[in-house]
């Protein structure tokens, strides 16, 4: 009977310690992984929502262009000096935006 009581007392202290480690690792993952990613997503969506016609953009593939037309999820971008090189692309492919008045 004494062995059972000693065994249950040993596991009773183990459960709060495990819960403490779960909380610590959860907080670590929140502040190191989840929170910065959400912050970056908000910054990117704010940048794309402020996109206007005439802005100079940098695509994720490294091309610079000028925005000619904007729809809900696509933009038409003019690349280079050739005025006939207009390509529709998704807004998610835009990496940077430089405003036209700057």
N, C-alpha and C. Protein backbone atom coordinates (compact mmCIF):
# COMPACT_ATOMS: atom_id res chain seq x y z
N UNK A 1 0.82 -1.20 0.00
CA UNK A 1 0.00 0.00 0.00
C UNK A 1 0.86 1.26 0.00
N UNK A 2 1.98 1.20 0.72
CA UNK A 2 2.89 2.33 0.79
C UNK A 2 3.53 2.62 -0.55
N UNK A 3 3.76 1.60 -1.34
CA UNK A 3 4.37 1.77 -2.66
C UNK A 3 3.42 2.51 -3.59
N UNK A 4 2.15 2.19 -3.54
CA UNK A 4 1.16 2.86 -4.38
C UNK A 4 1.05 4.33 -4.03
N UNK A 5 1.08 4.68 -2.75
CA UNK A 5 0.99 6.08 -2.35
C UNK A 5 2.22 6.86 -2.79
N UNK A 6 3.38 6.27 -2.68
CA UNK A 6 4.61 6.95 -3.09
C UNK A 6 4.64 7.13 -4.61
N UNK A 7 4.12 6.16 -5.32
CA UNK A 7 4.10 6.23 -6.78
C UNK A 7 3.14 7.32 -7.25
N UNK A 8 1.97 7.45 -6.64
CA UNK A 8 1.02 8.47 -7.05
C UNK A 8 1.50 9.86 -6.66
N UNK A 9 2.26 9.99 -5.58
CA UNK A 9 2.80 11.29 -5.19
C UNK A 9 3.89 11.73 -6.17
N UNK A 10 4.63 10.81 -6.74
CA UNK A 10 5.66 11.15 -7.72
C UNK A 10 5.08 11.62 -9.03
N UNK A 11 3.99 11.05 -9.47
CA UNK A 11 3.37 11.47 -10.73
C UNK A 11 2.55 12.73 -10.56
N UNK A 12 2.13 13.04 -9.34
CA UNK A 12 1.34 14.25 -9.12
C UNK A 12 2.21 15.50 -9.36
N UNK A 13 3.48 15.45 -9.06
CA UNK A 13 4.37 16.58 -9.31
C UNK A 13 4.82 16.65 -10.75
N UNK A 14 4.66 15.59 -11.49
CA UNK A 14 5.10 15.54 -12.88
C UNK A 14 4.12 16.26 -13.82
N UNK A 15 2.84 16.17 -13.54
CA UNK A 15 1.82 16.76 -14.43
C UNK A 15 1.93 18.29 -14.47
N UNK A 16 2.05 19.00 -13.35
CA UNK A 16 2.21 20.46 -13.45
C UNK A 16 3.49 20.87 -14.18
N UNK A 17 4.55 20.09 -14.03
CA UNK A 17 5.80 20.41 -14.72
C UNK A 17 5.63 20.24 -16.23
N UNK A 18 4.94 19.22 -16.65
CA UNK A 18 4.68 19.01 -18.08
C UNK A 18 3.82 20.14 -18.62
N UNK A 19 2.80 20.54 -17.88
CA UNK A 19 1.95 21.65 -18.32
C UNK A 19 2.74 22.96 -18.41
N UNK A 20 3.66 23.15 -17.47
CA UNK A 20 4.49 24.34 -17.50
C UNK A 20 5.36 24.36 -18.77
N UNK A 21 5.94 23.23 -19.13
CA UNK A 21 6.75 23.16 -20.35
C UNK A 21 5.91 23.37 -21.61
N UNK A 22 4.70 22.86 -21.61
CA UNK A 22 3.81 23.07 -22.76
C UNK A 22 3.50 24.55 -22.92
N UNK A 23 3.22 25.24 -21.82
CA UNK A 23 2.93 26.66 -21.88
C UNK A 23 4.17 27.44 -22.32
N UNK A 24 5.33 27.08 -21.83
CA UNK A 24 6.56 27.79 -22.21
C UNK A 24 6.85 27.59 -23.69
N UNK A 25 6.75 26.37 -24.19
CA UNK A 25 7.00 26.12 -25.62
C UNK A 25 5.92 26.77 -26.48
N UNK A 26 4.69 26.78 -26.03
CA UNK A 26 3.62 27.46 -26.77
C UNK A 26 3.88 28.94 -26.89
N UNK A 27 4.29 29.57 -25.80
CA UNK A 27 4.61 31.01 -25.82
C UNK A 27 5.82 31.27 -26.72
N UNK A 28 6.81 30.39 -26.66
CA UNK A 28 7.99 30.54 -27.51
C UNK A 28 7.60 30.50 -28.99
N UNK A 29 6.82 29.52 -29.39
CA UNK A 29 6.41 29.41 -30.78
C UNK A 29 5.53 30.58 -31.21
N UNK A 30 4.71 31.08 -30.29
CA UNK A 30 3.86 32.22 -30.63
C UNK A 30 4.71 33.46 -30.91
N UNK A 31 5.66 33.77 -30.03
CA UNK A 31 6.44 34.99 -30.18
C UNK A 31 7.55 34.88 -31.22
N UNK A 32 8.01 33.68 -31.53
CA UNK A 32 9.10 33.55 -32.49
C UNK A 32 8.60 33.23 -33.90
N UNK A 33 7.55 32.47 -34.03
CA UNK A 33 7.09 32.04 -35.35
C UNK A 33 5.78 32.70 -35.79
N UNK A 34 4.75 32.60 -34.99
CA UNK A 34 3.41 33.00 -35.42
C UNK A 34 3.25 34.52 -35.49
N UNK A 35 3.66 35.23 -34.47
CA UNK A 35 3.45 36.67 -34.41
C UNK A 35 4.21 37.43 -35.50
N UNK A 36 5.50 37.16 -35.75
CA UNK A 36 6.17 37.88 -36.84
C UNK A 36 5.57 37.58 -38.22
N UNK A 37 5.09 36.36 -38.41
CA UNK A 37 4.49 36.02 -39.70
C UNK A 37 3.19 36.80 -39.90
N UNK A 38 2.36 36.91 -38.88
CA UNK A 38 1.13 37.69 -38.98
C UNK A 38 1.43 39.16 -39.21
N UNK A 39 2.47 39.67 -38.57
CA UNK A 39 2.87 41.06 -38.73
C UNK A 39 3.28 41.32 -40.18
N UNK A 40 4.04 40.41 -40.75
CA UNK A 40 4.47 40.54 -42.15
C UNK A 40 3.29 40.46 -43.11
N UNK A 41 2.32 39.59 -42.82
CA UNK A 41 1.13 39.48 -43.67
C UNK A 41 0.31 40.76 -43.63
N UNK A 42 0.18 41.38 -42.46
CA UNK A 42 -0.55 42.65 -42.36
C UNK A 42 0.16 43.74 -43.15
N UNK A 43 1.48 43.77 -43.05
CA UNK A 43 2.27 44.77 -43.78
C UNK A 43 2.10 44.59 -45.28
N UNK A 44 2.13 43.33 -45.74
CA UNK A 44 1.99 43.04 -47.17
C UNK A 44 0.59 43.40 -47.67
N UNK A 45 -0.44 43.07 -46.91
CA UNK A 45 -1.80 43.40 -47.34
C UNK A 45 -2.04 44.90 -47.35
N UNK A 46 -1.43 45.64 -46.41
CA UNK A 46 -1.54 47.09 -46.42
C UNK A 46 -0.84 47.68 -47.64
N UNK A 47 0.31 47.10 -48.01
CA UNK A 47 1.03 47.57 -49.18
C UNK A 47 0.22 47.32 -50.45
N UNK A 48 -0.39 46.16 -50.56
CA UNK A 48 -1.16 45.84 -51.76
C UNK A 48 -2.46 46.62 -51.83
N UNK A 49 -3.04 46.95 -50.69
CA UNK A 49 -4.28 47.73 -50.72
C UNK A 49 -4.03 49.18 -51.08
N UNK A 50 -2.81 49.67 -50.85
CA UNK A 50 -2.49 51.05 -51.21
C UNK A 50 -1.93 51.17 -52.63
N UNK A 51 -1.92 50.07 -53.37
CA UNK A 51 -1.40 50.06 -54.73
C UNK A 51 -2.27 50.91 -55.65
N UNK A 52 -1.63 51.77 -56.44
CA UNK A 52 -2.35 52.65 -57.36
C UNK A 52 -1.75 52.55 -58.76
N UNK A 53 -2.51 53.03 -59.72
CA UNK A 53 -2.05 53.06 -61.11
C UNK A 53 -0.89 54.05 -61.20
N UNK A 54 0.17 53.63 -61.86
CA UNK A 54 1.35 54.47 -62.03
C UNK A 54 2.46 54.16 -61.04
N UNK A 55 2.19 53.30 -60.05
CA UNK A 55 3.22 52.93 -59.08
C UNK A 55 4.24 52.01 -59.73
N UNK A 56 5.50 52.15 -59.33
CA UNK A 56 6.56 51.26 -59.78
C UNK A 56 6.63 50.09 -58.81
N UNK A 57 6.64 48.87 -59.34
CA UNK A 57 6.64 47.69 -58.49
C UNK A 57 7.84 46.80 -58.82
N UNK A 58 8.19 45.98 -57.85
CA UNK A 58 9.19 44.93 -58.03
C UNK A 58 8.46 43.61 -57.82
N UNK A 59 8.54 42.73 -58.81
CA UNK A 59 7.86 41.44 -58.68
C UNK A 59 8.73 40.47 -57.89
N UNK A 60 8.13 39.37 -57.48
CA UNK A 60 8.88 38.37 -56.72
C UNK A 60 9.93 37.68 -57.58
N UNK A 61 9.82 37.79 -58.90
CA UNK A 61 10.82 37.20 -59.78
C UNK A 61 11.94 38.18 -60.13
N UNK A 62 11.83 39.45 -59.66
CA UNK A 62 12.91 40.41 -59.83
C UNK A 62 12.72 41.40 -60.96
N UNK A 63 11.55 41.47 -61.55
CA UNK A 63 11.29 42.42 -62.64
C UNK A 63 10.67 43.69 -62.09
N UNK A 64 11.13 44.84 -62.61
CA UNK A 64 10.54 46.12 -62.28
C UNK A 64 9.53 46.48 -63.35
N UNK A 65 8.42 47.10 -62.94
CA UNK A 65 7.41 47.51 -63.89
C UNK A 65 6.53 48.60 -63.33
N UNK A 66 5.66 49.11 -64.20
CA UNK A 66 4.72 50.17 -63.84
C UNK A 66 3.31 49.60 -63.92
N UNK A 67 2.50 49.87 -62.89
CA UNK A 67 1.13 49.37 -62.85
C UNK A 67 0.28 50.17 -63.82
N UNK A 68 -0.41 49.46 -64.72
CA UNK A 68 -1.26 50.09 -65.73
C UNK A 68 -2.74 49.98 -65.34
N UNK A 69 -3.15 48.84 -64.80
CA UNK A 69 -4.55 48.63 -64.44
C UNK A 69 -4.60 47.70 -63.22
N UNK A 70 -5.63 47.88 -62.39
CA UNK A 70 -5.79 47.07 -61.18
C UNK A 70 -7.20 46.52 -61.14
N UNK A 71 -7.31 45.20 -60.89
CA UNK A 71 -8.61 44.58 -60.62
C UNK A 71 -8.55 43.99 -59.22
N UNK A 72 -9.51 43.12 -58.88
CA UNK A 72 -9.58 42.58 -57.52
C UNK A 72 -8.32 41.85 -57.10
N UNK A 73 -7.89 40.87 -57.89
CA UNK A 73 -6.74 40.08 -57.49
C UNK A 73 -5.62 40.07 -58.54
N UNK A 74 -5.77 40.84 -59.61
CA UNK A 74 -4.72 40.91 -60.63
C UNK A 74 -4.38 42.37 -60.94
N UNK A 75 -3.20 42.55 -61.48
CA UNK A 75 -2.76 43.85 -61.97
C UNK A 75 -2.16 43.65 -63.36
N UNK A 76 -2.22 44.69 -64.17
CA UNK A 76 -1.55 44.66 -65.47
C UNK A 76 -0.33 45.55 -65.33
N UNK A 77 0.84 44.97 -65.62
CA UNK A 77 2.11 45.66 -65.41
C UNK A 77 2.80 45.84 -66.75
N UNK A 78 3.36 47.02 -66.94
CA UNK A 78 4.12 47.34 -68.15
C UNK A 78 5.59 47.26 -67.80
N UNK A 79 6.34 46.42 -68.51
CA UNK A 79 7.75 46.20 -68.23
C UNK A 79 8.61 46.87 -69.28
N UNK A 80 9.67 47.54 -68.85
CA UNK A 80 10.66 48.13 -69.76
C UNK A 80 10.15 49.33 -70.50
N UNK A 81 10.91 49.73 -71.51
CA UNK A 81 10.55 50.89 -72.33
C UNK A 81 9.56 50.56 -73.42
N UNK A 82 9.39 49.27 -73.70
CA UNK A 82 8.47 48.83 -74.74
C UNK A 82 7.05 48.96 -74.23
N UNK A 83 6.27 49.84 -74.82
CA UNK A 83 4.90 50.07 -74.35
C UNK A 83 3.96 48.92 -74.69
N UNK A 84 4.42 47.96 -75.49
CA UNK A 84 3.57 46.83 -75.85
C UNK A 84 3.78 45.64 -74.94
N UNK A 85 4.68 45.74 -73.99
CA UNK A 85 4.96 44.63 -73.08
C UNK A 85 4.14 44.80 -71.80
N UNK A 86 2.88 44.44 -71.88
CA UNK A 86 1.97 44.54 -70.73
C UNK A 86 1.54 43.13 -70.35
N UNK A 87 1.76 42.79 -69.09
CA UNK A 87 1.50 41.42 -68.63
C UNK A 87 0.58 41.45 -67.43
N UNK A 88 -0.52 40.69 -67.48
CA UNK A 88 -1.35 40.57 -66.27
C UNK A 88 -0.69 39.61 -65.28
N UNK A 89 -0.74 39.96 -64.00
CA UNK A 89 -0.16 39.11 -62.97
C UNK A 89 -0.96 39.25 -61.68
N UNK A 90 -0.78 38.29 -60.80
CA UNK A 90 -1.47 38.31 -59.52
C UNK A 90 -0.84 39.34 -58.59
N UNK A 91 -1.67 39.90 -57.73
CA UNK A 91 -1.16 40.86 -56.76
C UNK A 91 -0.18 40.21 -55.79
N UNK A 92 -0.36 38.94 -55.53
CA UNK A 92 0.51 38.25 -54.58
C UNK A 92 1.95 38.12 -55.09
N UNK A 93 2.18 38.37 -56.38
CA UNK A 93 3.53 38.28 -56.95
C UNK A 93 4.30 39.58 -56.79
N UNK A 94 3.69 40.59 -56.19
CA UNK A 94 4.36 41.87 -55.99
C UNK A 94 5.14 41.82 -54.69
N UNK A 95 6.43 42.16 -54.76
CA UNK A 95 7.29 42.12 -53.58
C UNK A 95 7.47 43.50 -52.95
N UNK A 96 7.57 44.55 -53.76
CA UNK A 96 7.75 45.91 -53.27
C UNK A 96 6.98 46.88 -54.12
N UNK A 97 6.61 48.01 -53.53
CA UNK A 97 5.90 49.06 -54.24
C UNK A 97 6.61 50.38 -53.95
N UNK A 98 6.89 51.13 -55.02
CA UNK A 98 7.41 52.49 -54.89
C UNK A 98 6.35 53.42 -55.46
N UNK A 99 5.91 54.34 -54.66
CA UNK A 99 4.85 55.26 -55.08
C UNK A 99 5.34 56.16 -56.20
N UNK A 100 4.40 56.58 -57.05
CA UNK A 100 4.75 57.38 -58.23
C UNK A 100 5.21 58.77 -57.84
N UNK A 101 4.69 59.36 -56.77
CA UNK A 101 5.05 60.72 -56.41
C UNK A 101 6.39 60.82 -55.70
N UNK A 102 7.02 59.72 -55.33
CA UNK A 102 8.32 59.76 -54.65
C UNK A 102 9.45 59.91 -55.65
